[in-house]
Amino acid sequence: MLNRVLPADIRVLSWAVVPSTFSARFSCRSRTYRYSFPRAELDVEAMDRAARMLEGTHDFRNLCKMDVANGVMNFIRTVLSARVEPVPDVPGEDGPFQLYHLQIKGLAFLYHQVRCIMGVLFLIGQGKEEPEVIKELLNVEKNPCKPQYNMAVEFPLVLYDCQFDEVDWVSEKDVHTITMSHLQRMWTQEAMKTQILRMALQCLDSVPVAMDTGQEPMPWSSHQTEVWSVTAEAWWRLWGVSARAPTLH
């Protein structure tokens, strides 16, 4: 019944009986986030090396948005694992359109912590910062003031999993069947839109374009270096991370 009154992209999958002291926020033992992005020209290996430096217990005040107004004064958090890797189970070419994600698991997270982390990882992937900048940002004694950089945009971020102790989830067959059908229908619609856009890009690849004055027009696909530099700039403007790199003091 509840799914009938919820927005199309929000579904209840299971339910459980819990005590009155249970809190969906404070009873959670660990959380896993995923942040997806196209590979483009990013150095994903450098991004992965940097992400692994986040693991452990650190002061993350330089990698979050301050939430002092709500009483948050403790910025110590524990990251159990952090990896930048190809999105599993998504077929795709080994090229700029290949999807990657940051998968990060921790006991708890600060306000906008994952988006701030991704903003810095994107700078590392573009070669504007070295992976070791993560260690610098985690060293709050050396760098007590948060440097200026842009957060990554919110829409690719997903709270992927939450772990609770002694919670027995109940999944009903009819609800599960309806939800699967609903999500498959949504996936089909979005997949078709994606394929149409890919076809449009492929058609543009064959259009003769003169990149320099006096040069014979050549198919757009022949200008791969120029093509991806332009495309990457468009992507990073969309992701909100192209304007400024961290300035450490």
Protein backbone atom coordinates (compact mmCIF):
# COMPACT_ATOMS: atom_id res chain seq x y z
CA MET A 1 0.00 0.00 0.00
CA LEU A 2 2.79 2.43 0.89
CA ASN A 3 4.44 2.16 -2.54
CA ARG A 4 1.24 3.39 -4.18
CA VAL A 5 1.60 6.83 -2.61
CA LEU A 6 5.39 7.17 -2.93
CA PRO A 7 7.20 8.88 -5.83
CA ALA A 8 8.05 6.59 -8.74
CA ASP A 9 11.75 6.45 -7.86
CA ILE A 10 11.22 5.54 -4.19
CA ARG A 11 10.14 2.00 -3.29
CA VAL A 12 9.72 0.12 0.00
CA LEU A 13 11.28 -3.34 -0.42
CA SER A 14 11.09 -4.87 3.06
CA TRP A 15 9.95 -4.20 6.61
CA ALA A 16 10.98 -5.28 10.08
CA VAL A 17 9.71 -5.15 13.65
CA VAL A 18 12.09 -3.08 15.78
CA PRO A 19 12.08 -1.79 19.38
CA SER A 20 10.94 1.76 20.17
CA THR A 21 14.57 2.71 20.81
CA PHE A 22 15.54 1.90 17.20
CA SER A 23 16.86 4.76 15.04
CA ALA A 24 17.41 4.36 11.31
CA ARG A 25 20.30 6.81 11.66
CA PHE A 26 21.94 6.03 14.98
CA SER A 27 21.33 2.26 14.99
CA CYS A 28 23.11 1.88 11.65
CA ARG A 29 26.41 0.00 12.09
CA SER A 30 27.93 0.94 8.73
CA ARG A 31 26.99 2.71 5.51
CA THR A 32 28.18 2.22 1.94
CA TYR A 33 27.96 4.99 -0.65
CA ARG A 34 28.54 4.79 -4.39
CA TYR A 35 29.33 7.77 -6.59
CA SER A 36 29.30 7.01 -10.34
CA PHE A 37 31.03 8.91 -13.15
CA PRO A 38 32.27 8.38 -16.75
CA ARG A 39 35.95 7.57 -17.08
CA ALA A 40 36.55 10.23 -19.78
CA GLU A 41 40.26 11.16 -19.61
CA LEU A 42 40.55 10.69 -15.86
CA ASP A 43 43.51 8.89 -14.34
CA VAL A 44 41.34 6.41 -12.45
CA GLU A 45 44.38 4.53 -11.15
CA ALA A 46 45.59 7.70 -9.39
CA MET A 47 42.07 8.28 -8.06
CA ASP A 48 42.00 4.75 -6.64
CA ARG A 49 45.39 5.21 -4.95
CA ALA A 50 44.11 8.42 -3.39
CA ALA A 51 40.84 6.82 -2.27
CA ARG A 52 42.70 4.08 -0.39
CA MET A 53 44.45 6.76 1.67
CA LEU A 54 41.05 7.64 3.16
CA GLU A 55 40.83 4.29 4.93
CA GLY A 56 41.20 4.32 8.70
CA THR A 57 40.18 6.75 11.43
CA HIS A 58 40.94 10.38 10.54
CA ASP A 59 39.83 13.94 11.13
CA PHE A 60 37.82 14.73 7.97
CA ARG A 61 37.16 18.44 8.62
CA ASN A 62 38.95 19.35 5.37
CA LEU A 63 36.81 16.87 3.41
CA CYS A 64 33.29 17.86 4.43
CA LYS A 65 30.98 20.84 4.66
CA MET A 66 30.98 22.30 8.15
CA ASP A 67 27.69 21.68 10.00
CA VAL A 68 28.50 23.55 13.21
CA ALA A 69 25.00 25.09 13.29
CA ASN A 70 23.61 21.60 14.03
CA GLY A 71 26.14 20.99 16.79
CA VAL A 72 28.67 18.92 14.83
CA MET A 73 32.05 19.62 16.42
CA ASN A 74 33.64 16.17 16.14
CA PHE A 75 35.08 15.49 12.68
CA ILE A 76 36.70 12.14 13.49
CA ARG A 77 35.24 9.40 11.31
CA THR A 78 36.28 5.86 10.34
CA VAL A 79 36.37 4.73 6.70
CA LEU A 80 36.45 0.94 6.44
CA SER A 81 37.15 0.76 2.70
CA ALA A 82 37.36 3.08 -0.30
CA ARG A 83 37.90 2.05 -3.92
CA VAL A 84 37.61 3.64 -7.37
CA GLU A 85 36.72 0.85 -9.78
CA PRO A 86 34.65 0.01 -12.88
CA VAL A 87 30.93 -0.27 -12.24
CA PRO A 88 30.24 -4.03 -12.00
CA ASP A 89 27.72 -5.76 -14.25
CA VAL A 90 27.50 -2.79 -16.64
CA PRO A 91 28.77 -3.75 -20.13
CA GLY A 92 30.69 -1.04 -21.90
CA GLU A 93 33.74 -0.23 -23.92
CA ASP A 94 37.10 0.33 -22.32
CA GLY A 95 37.11 4.02 -23.17
CA PRO A 96 35.84 7.46 -22.12
CA PHE A 97 32.22 6.29 -21.79
CA GLN A 98 33.08 3.46 -19.41
CA LEU A 99 31.40 3.99 -16.03
CA TYR A 100 33.40 3.97 -12.80
CA HIS A 101 32.41 4.63 -9.25
CA LEU A 102 33.83 5.42 -5.85
CA GLN A 103 32.57 2.84 -3.38
CA ILE A 104 33.21 3.96 0.18
CA LYS A 105 32.13 2.20 3.37
CA GLY A 106 32.32 3.77 6.81
CA LEU A 107 30.82 3.72 10.27
CA ALA A 108 29.35 7.20 9.76
CA PHE A 109 29.87 10.21 7.50
CA LEU A 110 29.95 13.97 7.88
CA TYR A 111 27.76 16.47 6.02
CA HIS A 112 28.59 16.30 2.28
CA GLN A 113 31.71 14.25 3.08
CA VAL A 114 31.44 11.97 0.02
CA ARG A 115 30.76 14.86 -2.38
CA CYS A 116 33.77 16.76 -1.02
CA ILE A 117 35.94 13.65 -1.36
CA MET A 118 34.79 13.23 -4.97
CA GLY A 119 35.55 16.88 -5.72
CA VAL A 120 39.17 16.29 -4.70
CA LEU A 121 39.36 12.90 -6.45
CA PHE A 122 38.22 14.52 -9.69
CA LEU A 123 41.05 17.06 -9.39
CA ILE A 124 43.47 14.17 -8.88
CA GLY A 125 42.03 12.34 -11.88
CA GLN A 126 42.51 15.45 -14.04
CA GLY A 127 46.15 15.74 -12.94
CA LYS A 128 45.57 19.00 -11.07
CA GLU A 129 46.59 17.40 -7.77
CA GLU A 130 48.71 14.41 -6.76
CA PRO A 131 47.12 11.51 -4.86
CA GLU A 132 49.16 12.52 -1.79
CA VAL A 133 46.99 15.65 -1.42
CA ILE A 134 44.57 13.37 0.48
CA LYS A 135 47.20 12.82 3.18
CA GLU A 136 47.76 16.57 3.31
CA LEU A 137 44.06 17.25 3.76
CA LEU A 138 43.83 14.64 6.53
CA ASN A 139 46.73 16.28 8.37
CA VAL A 140 44.70 18.95 10.18
CA GLU A 141 47.65 19.99 12.36
CA LYS A 142 49.58 20.97 9.25
CA ASN A 143 46.50 22.22 7.38
CA PRO A 144 43.98 23.43 10.00
CA CYS A 145 41.99 25.58 7.53
CA LYS A 146 39.90 23.92 4.84
CA PRO A 147 41.24 24.86 1.36
CA GLN A 148 38.91 26.12 -1.36
CA TYR A 149 37.64 23.53 -3.82
CA ASN A 150 34.28 22.65 -5.35
CA MET A 151 32.06 19.80 -4.18
CA ALA A 152 31.01 17.28 -6.79
CA VAL A 153 27.34 17.43 -7.83
CA GLU A 154 24.78 15.38 -5.94
CA PHE A 155 22.87 13.33 -8.55
CA PRO A 156 25.37 10.43 -9.06
CA LEU A 157 25.57 9.79 -5.28
CA VAL A 158 23.67 6.78 -3.91
CA LEU A 159 23.40 5.46 -0.37
CA TYR A 160 23.95 1.89 -1.51
CA ASP A 161 23.77 -0.16 1.68
CA CYS A 162 23.17 0.16 5.44
CA GLN A 163 23.99 -2.52 8.00
CA PHE A 164 21.97 -3.06 11.19
CA ASP A 165 22.40 -5.56 14.00
CA GLU A 166 19.56 -7.95 14.91
CA VAL A 167 17.10 -6.67 12.32
CA ASP A 168 15.16 -9.39 10.53
CA TRP A 169 13.85 -8.00 7.25
CA VAL A 170 10.60 -9.36 5.79
CA SER A 171 10.22 -9.30 1.99
CA GLU A 172 6.85 -10.19 0.50
CA LYS A 173 6.68 -11.99 -2.84
CA ASP A 174 3.91 -9.87 -4.40
CA VAL A 175 5.60 -6.59 -3.43
CA HIS A 176 8.94 -7.85 -4.72
CA THR A 177 7.43 -8.88 -8.07
CA ILE A 178 5.67 -5.53 -8.56
CA THR A 179 8.80 -3.59 -7.60
CA MET A 180 10.98 -5.60 -9.99
CA SER A 181 8.54 -4.94 -12.84
CA HIS A 182 8.40 -1.24 -11.97
CA LEU A 183 12.19 -0.84 -11.89
CA GLN A 184 12.66 -2.85 -15.10
CA ARG A 185 10.22 -0.54 -16.85
CA MET A 186 12.11 2.52 -15.59
CA TRP A 187 15.44 0.99 -16.60
CA THR A 188 14.15 0.22 -20.12
CA GLN A 189 13.03 3.82 -20.63
CA GLU A 190 16.33 5.29 -19.44
CA ALA A 191 18.41 2.73 -21.36
CA MET A 192 16.62 3.64 -24.59
CA LYS A 193 17.29 7.34 -23.98
CA THR A 194 20.96 6.54 -23.41
CA GLN A 195 21.16 4.53 -26.63
CA ILE A 196 19.56 7.34 -28.63
CA LEU A 197 22.16 9.78 -27.29
CA ARG A 198 24.95 7.33 -28.13
CA MET A 199 23.62 7.03 -31.70
CA ALA A 200 23.57 10.82 -31.99
CA LEU A 201 27.20 11.01 -30.85
CA GLN A 202 28.19 8.27 -33.32
CA CYS A 203 26.50 10.17 -36.16
CA LEU A 204 28.40 13.33 -35.21
CA ASP A 205 31.67 11.35 -35.36
CA SER A 206 31.33 11.09 -39.16
CA VAL A 207 30.63 14.80 -39.75
CA PRO A 208 33.55 16.52 -41.62
CA VAL A 209 34.89 19.37 -39.49
CA ALA A 210 37.77 21.77 -40.19
CA MET A 211 39.51 22.22 -36.85
CA ASP A 212 42.14 24.68 -38.12
CA THR A 213 42.01 27.49 -40.67
CA GLY A 214 42.84 26.20 -44.14
CA GLN A 215 42.73 22.56 -43.11
CA GLU A 216 40.75 20.06 -45.16
CA PRO A 217 37.62 18.96 -43.31
CA MET A 218 38.08 15.62 -41.59
CA PRO A 219 35.62 13.35 -39.76
CA TRP A 220 35.11 14.46 -36.18
CA SER A 221 36.33 11.06 -34.97
CA SER A 222 39.76 11.79 -36.49
CA HIS A 223 40.26 14.61 -33.98
CA GLN A 224 40.20 12.34 -30.94
CA THR A 225 42.57 14.45 -28.83
CA GLU A 226 40.59 17.61 -29.44
CA VAL A 227 37.28 15.77 -29.16
CA TRP A 228 37.92 14.41 -25.70
CA SER A 229 39.49 17.59 -24.36
CA VAL A 230 36.30 19.43 -25.28
CA THR A 231 34.06 16.62 -24.01
CA ALA A 232 35.96 16.27 -20.76
CA GLU A 233 35.65 20.00 -20.07
CA ALA A 234 31.89 19.77 -20.61
CA TRP A 235 31.68 16.80 -18.24
CA TRP A 236 33.66 18.49 -15.49
CA ARG A 237 31.59 21.65 -15.74
CA LEU A 238 28.53 19.44 -15.27
CA TRP A 239 30.18 17.68 -12.32
CA GLY A 240 31.06 21.08 -10.83
CA VAL A 241 34.76 20.45 -10.21
CA SER A 242 36.66 22.35 -12.90
CA ALA A 243 37.03 25.80 -11.43
CA ARG A 244 39.62 25.65 -8.68
CA ALA A 245 42.10 23.23 -7.14
CA PRO A 246 42.88 23.02 -3.40
CA THR A 247 45.36 25.56 -2.09
CA LEU A 248 47.15 24.16 0.94
CA HIS A 249 48.81 26.41 3.46
